[in-house]
Amino acid sequence: MDIFIPIGLGFVINLIVFIISKSLKQTSDRSLLICLFAFLAVLVTSFIIGSWLGMGIGVISLGMLIFVILIGLVIAIIPRKKVI
């Protein structure tokens, strides 16, 4: 049960990154790409740090990955408005 806290933390962190990038007038695809790069940066950081701390940061990046996958599916499923 304790593993859900860092996963949820990573999910919320990436949600905040997504909201900030959307508030800066980015498209949904570009905001998703920013979130993907944030996930990759945290994952690489966890590998660089290593040890127990790096493993905890890796679990946080798992939550970030879950957010990217979930929002990617939502963006793919919801139809876009076509502008003529």
N, C-alpha and C. Protein backbone atom coordinates (compact mmCIF):
# COMPACT_ATOMS: atom_id res chain seq x y z
N MET A 1 0.82 -1.19 0.00
CA MET A 1 0.00 0.00 0.00
C MET A 1 0.87 1.26 0.00
N ASP A 2 2.04 1.19 0.58
CA ASP A 2 2.91 2.36 0.64
C ASP A 2 3.48 2.74 -0.73
N ILE A 3 3.46 1.82 -1.68
CA ILE A 3 4.03 2.14 -2.98
C ILE A 3 3.12 3.07 -3.78
N PHE A 4 1.83 3.13 -3.41
CA PHE A 4 0.91 3.98 -4.15
C PHE A 4 1.14 5.46 -3.87
N ILE A 5 1.75 5.79 -2.76
CA ILE A 5 2.01 7.20 -2.44
C ILE A 5 3.00 7.82 -3.43
N PRO A 6 4.18 7.21 -3.69
CA PRO A 6 5.08 7.83 -4.69
C PRO A 6 4.53 7.74 -6.11
N ILE A 7 3.77 6.68 -6.41
CA ILE A 7 3.17 6.60 -7.74
C ILE A 7 2.16 7.73 -7.92
N GLY A 8 1.34 7.96 -6.91
CA GLY A 8 0.38 9.06 -6.96
C GLY A 8 1.06 10.41 -7.01
N LEU A 9 2.19 10.53 -6.30
CA LEU A 9 2.96 11.77 -6.33
C LEU A 9 3.48 12.05 -7.74
N GLY A 10 3.99 11.03 -8.41
CA GLY A 10 4.45 11.20 -9.79
C GLY A 10 3.32 11.56 -10.72
N PHE A 11 2.15 10.95 -10.51
CA PHE A 11 0.97 11.25 -11.31
C PHE A 11 0.58 12.72 -11.15
N VAL A 12 0.56 13.19 -9.91
CA VAL A 12 0.18 14.58 -9.63
C VAL A 12 1.22 15.55 -10.17
N ILE A 13 2.49 15.21 -10.06
CA ILE A 13 3.55 16.09 -10.58
C ILE A 13 3.40 16.26 -12.09
N ASN A 14 3.16 15.15 -12.79
CA ASN A 14 3.00 15.25 -14.24
C ASN A 14 1.70 15.95 -14.61
N LEU A 15 0.67 15.81 -13.78
CA LEU A 15 -0.57 16.54 -14.01
C LEU A 15 -0.33 18.04 -13.91
N ILE A 16 0.45 18.45 -12.93
CA ILE A 16 0.79 19.87 -12.78
C ILE A 16 1.61 20.37 -13.97
N VAL A 17 2.56 19.55 -14.43
CA VAL A 17 3.35 19.92 -15.61
C VAL A 17 2.44 20.07 -16.83
N PHE A 18 1.47 19.17 -16.98
CA PHE A 18 0.53 19.23 -18.10
C PHE A 18 -0.33 20.48 -18.03
N ILE A 19 -0.83 20.80 -16.84
CA ILE A 19 -1.68 21.98 -16.68
C ILE A 19 -0.89 23.26 -16.95
N ILE A 20 0.34 23.33 -16.46
CA ILE A 20 1.17 24.51 -16.70
C ILE A 20 1.46 24.67 -18.20
N SER A 21 1.79 23.56 -18.87
CA SER A 21 2.08 23.67 -20.30
C SER A 21 0.83 24.03 -21.10
N LYS A 22 -0.36 23.55 -20.67
CA LYS A 22 -1.59 23.94 -21.34
C LYS A 22 -1.93 25.40 -21.08
N SER A 23 -1.59 25.91 -19.89
CA SER A 23 -1.87 27.31 -19.59
C SER A 23 -0.94 28.24 -20.37
N LEU A 24 0.16 27.73 -20.86
CA LEU A 24 1.07 28.51 -21.69
C LEU A 24 0.70 28.41 -23.18
N LYS A 25 -0.55 28.02 -23.44
CA LYS A 25 -1.12 27.97 -24.79
C LYS A 25 -0.45 26.94 -25.70
N GLN A 26 -0.05 25.82 -25.13
CA GLN A 26 0.50 24.72 -25.93
C GLN A 26 -0.65 23.83 -26.40
N THR A 27 -0.44 23.10 -27.49
CA THR A 27 -1.44 22.14 -27.93
C THR A 27 -1.40 20.93 -27.00
N SER A 28 -2.41 20.09 -27.10
CA SER A 28 -2.46 18.90 -26.24
C SER A 28 -1.31 17.95 -26.57
N ASP A 29 -1.00 17.80 -27.85
CA ASP A 29 0.09 16.91 -28.24
C ASP A 29 1.43 17.42 -27.73
N ARG A 30 1.63 18.71 -27.82
CA ARG A 30 2.89 19.28 -27.34
C ARG A 30 2.99 19.19 -25.82
N SER A 31 1.88 19.40 -25.12
CA SER A 31 1.88 19.26 -23.67
C SER A 31 2.17 17.83 -23.26
N LEU A 32 1.64 16.88 -24.01
CA LEU A 32 1.92 15.47 -23.74
C LEU A 32 3.39 15.16 -23.98
N LEU A 33 3.97 15.75 -25.00
CA LEU A 33 5.39 15.55 -25.28
C LEU A 33 6.26 16.14 -24.16
N ILE A 34 5.86 17.29 -23.63
CA ILE A 34 6.58 17.88 -22.50
C ILE A 34 6.52 16.96 -21.29
N CYS A 35 5.34 16.36 -21.04
CA CYS A 35 5.19 15.42 -19.92
C CYS A 35 6.04 14.17 -20.14
N LEU A 36 6.15 13.72 -21.38
CA LEU A 36 6.99 12.56 -21.68
C LEU A 36 8.46 12.87 -21.41
N PHE A 37 8.90 14.05 -21.80
CA PHE A 37 10.28 14.44 -21.53
C PHE A 37 10.53 14.60 -20.03
N ALA A 38 9.53 15.08 -19.28
CA ALA A 38 9.66 15.18 -17.82
C ALA A 38 9.82 13.79 -17.22
N PHE A 39 9.03 12.83 -17.71
CA PHE A 39 9.15 11.44 -17.24
C PHE A 39 10.54 10.89 -17.52
N LEU A 40 11.03 11.09 -18.75
CA LEU A 40 12.34 10.57 -19.12
C LEU A 40 13.45 11.22 -18.29
N ALA A 41 13.32 12.51 -18.00
CA ALA A 41 14.33 13.19 -17.20
C ALA A 41 14.37 12.63 -15.78
N VAL A 42 13.21 12.36 -15.20
CA VAL A 42 13.17 11.80 -13.84
C VAL A 42 13.69 10.37 -13.84
N LEU A 43 13.38 9.60 -14.87
CA LEU A 43 13.86 8.22 -14.95
C LEU A 43 15.39 8.17 -15.08
N VAL A 44 15.94 9.00 -15.94
CA VAL A 44 17.40 9.04 -16.10
C VAL A 44 18.06 9.51 -14.81
N THR A 45 17.45 10.47 -14.13
CA THR A 45 17.97 10.95 -12.85
C THR A 45 17.99 9.83 -11.82
N SER A 46 16.95 9.00 -11.81
CA SER A 46 16.92 7.89 -10.85
C SER A 46 18.03 6.88 -11.13
N PHE A 47 18.35 6.67 -12.41
CA PHE A 47 19.44 5.75 -12.73
C PHE A 47 20.79 6.35 -12.36
N ILE A 48 20.94 7.65 -12.52
CA ILE A 48 22.20 8.30 -12.18
C ILE A 48 22.44 8.28 -10.67
N ILE A 49 21.38 8.56 -9.90
CA ILE A 49 21.52 8.59 -8.44
C ILE A 49 21.76 7.19 -7.89
N GLY A 50 20.96 6.23 -8.35
CA GLY A 50 21.12 4.85 -7.91
C GLY A 50 20.74 4.66 -6.45
N SER A 51 21.05 3.50 -5.90
CA SER A 51 20.81 3.14 -4.50
C SER A 51 19.32 3.22 -4.17
N TRP A 52 19.00 3.34 -2.89
CA TRP A 52 17.61 3.36 -2.44
C TRP A 52 16.89 4.63 -2.86
N LEU A 53 17.59 5.75 -2.82
CA LEU A 53 16.98 7.01 -3.21
C LEU A 53 16.61 7.00 -4.70
N GLY A 54 17.49 6.45 -5.51
CA GLY A 54 17.21 6.36 -6.94
C GLY A 54 16.04 5.44 -7.22
N MET A 55 15.88 4.39 -6.42
CA MET A 55 14.75 3.50 -6.62
C MET A 55 13.43 4.21 -6.27
N GLY A 56 13.46 5.04 -5.24
CA GLY A 56 12.26 5.82 -4.90
C GLY A 56 11.90 6.80 -5.98
N ILE A 57 12.89 7.45 -6.55
CA ILE A 57 12.64 8.38 -7.65
C ILE A 57 12.15 7.62 -8.88
N GLY A 58 12.64 6.40 -9.07
CA GLY A 58 12.16 5.57 -10.18
C GLY A 58 10.68 5.21 -10.03
N VAL A 59 10.24 4.99 -8.80
CA VAL A 59 8.82 4.70 -8.56
C VAL A 59 7.98 5.95 -8.85
N ILE A 60 8.50 7.11 -8.51
CA ILE A 60 7.79 8.35 -8.84
C ILE A 60 7.68 8.49 -10.36
N SER A 61 8.74 8.12 -11.08
CA SER A 61 8.67 8.21 -12.54
C SER A 61 7.67 7.21 -13.11
N LEU A 62 7.41 6.11 -12.40
CA LEU A 62 6.39 5.17 -12.84
C LEU A 62 5.01 5.84 -12.83
N GLY A 63 4.73 6.62 -11.81
CA GLY A 63 3.48 7.37 -11.77
C GLY A 63 3.39 8.37 -12.90
N MET A 64 4.53 8.98 -13.23
CA MET A 64 4.56 9.93 -14.35
C MET A 64 4.28 9.21 -15.67
N LEU A 65 4.81 8.00 -15.81
CA LEU A 65 4.57 7.22 -17.03
C LEU A 65 3.10 6.83 -17.13
N ILE A 66 2.50 6.45 -16.02
CA ILE A 66 1.07 6.10 -16.02
C ILE A 66 0.25 7.30 -16.48
N PHE A 67 0.60 8.49 -16.02
CA PHE A 67 -0.12 9.70 -16.45
C PHE A 67 0.03 9.91 -17.95
N VAL A 68 1.24 9.76 -18.48
CA VAL A 68 1.48 9.98 -19.90
C VAL A 68 0.66 8.99 -20.73
N ILE A 69 0.62 7.73 -20.31
CA ILE A 69 -0.15 6.73 -21.05
C ILE A 69 -1.63 7.03 -20.98
N LEU A 70 -2.13 7.38 -19.80
CA LEU A 70 -3.55 7.66 -19.63
C LEU A 70 -3.98 8.88 -20.45
N ILE A 71 -3.24 9.96 -20.37
CA ILE A 71 -3.59 11.16 -21.12
C ILE A 71 -3.42 10.93 -22.62
N GLY A 72 -2.43 10.14 -23.01
CA GLY A 72 -2.27 9.81 -24.43
C GLY A 72 -3.47 9.06 -24.98
N LEU A 73 -4.01 8.13 -24.19
CA LEU A 73 -5.21 7.42 -24.61
C LEU A 73 -6.42 8.35 -24.67
N VAL A 74 -6.54 9.23 -23.70
CA VAL A 74 -7.67 10.17 -23.70
C VAL A 74 -7.59 11.09 -24.90
N ILE A 75 -6.42 11.60 -25.22
CA ILE A 75 -6.27 12.48 -26.38
C ILE A 75 -6.56 11.72 -27.67
N ALA A 76 -6.17 10.44 -27.74
CA ALA A 76 -6.42 9.66 -28.95
C ALA A 76 -7.90 9.32 -29.12
N ILE A 77 -8.61 9.12 -28.01
CA ILE A 77 -10.01 8.70 -28.09
C ILE A 77 -10.94 9.88 -28.36
N ILE A 78 -10.70 11.00 -27.70
CA ILE A 78 -11.58 12.15 -27.85
C ILE A 78 -11.35 12.80 -29.21
N PRO A 79 -12.42 12.94 -30.00
CA PRO A 79 -12.24 13.55 -31.33
C PRO A 79 -11.94 15.04 -31.22
N ARG A 80 -11.15 15.53 -32.13
CA ARG A 80 -10.79 16.94 -32.16
C ARG A 80 -11.77 17.71 -33.02
N LYS A 81 -11.93 18.98 -32.71
CA LYS A 81 -12.77 19.84 -33.53
C LYS A 81 -11.98 20.22 -34.77
N LYS A 82 -12.60 20.02 -35.92
CA LYS A 82 -11.94 20.37 -37.18
C LYS A 82 -12.29 21.80 -37.54
N VAL A 83 -11.26 22.60 -37.73
CA VAL A 83 -11.45 24.00 -38.10
C VAL A 83 -11.24 24.13 -39.60
N ILE A 84 -12.18 24.78 -40.24
CA ILE A 84 -12.11 24.91 -41.71
C ILE A 84 -11.25 26.10 -42.07
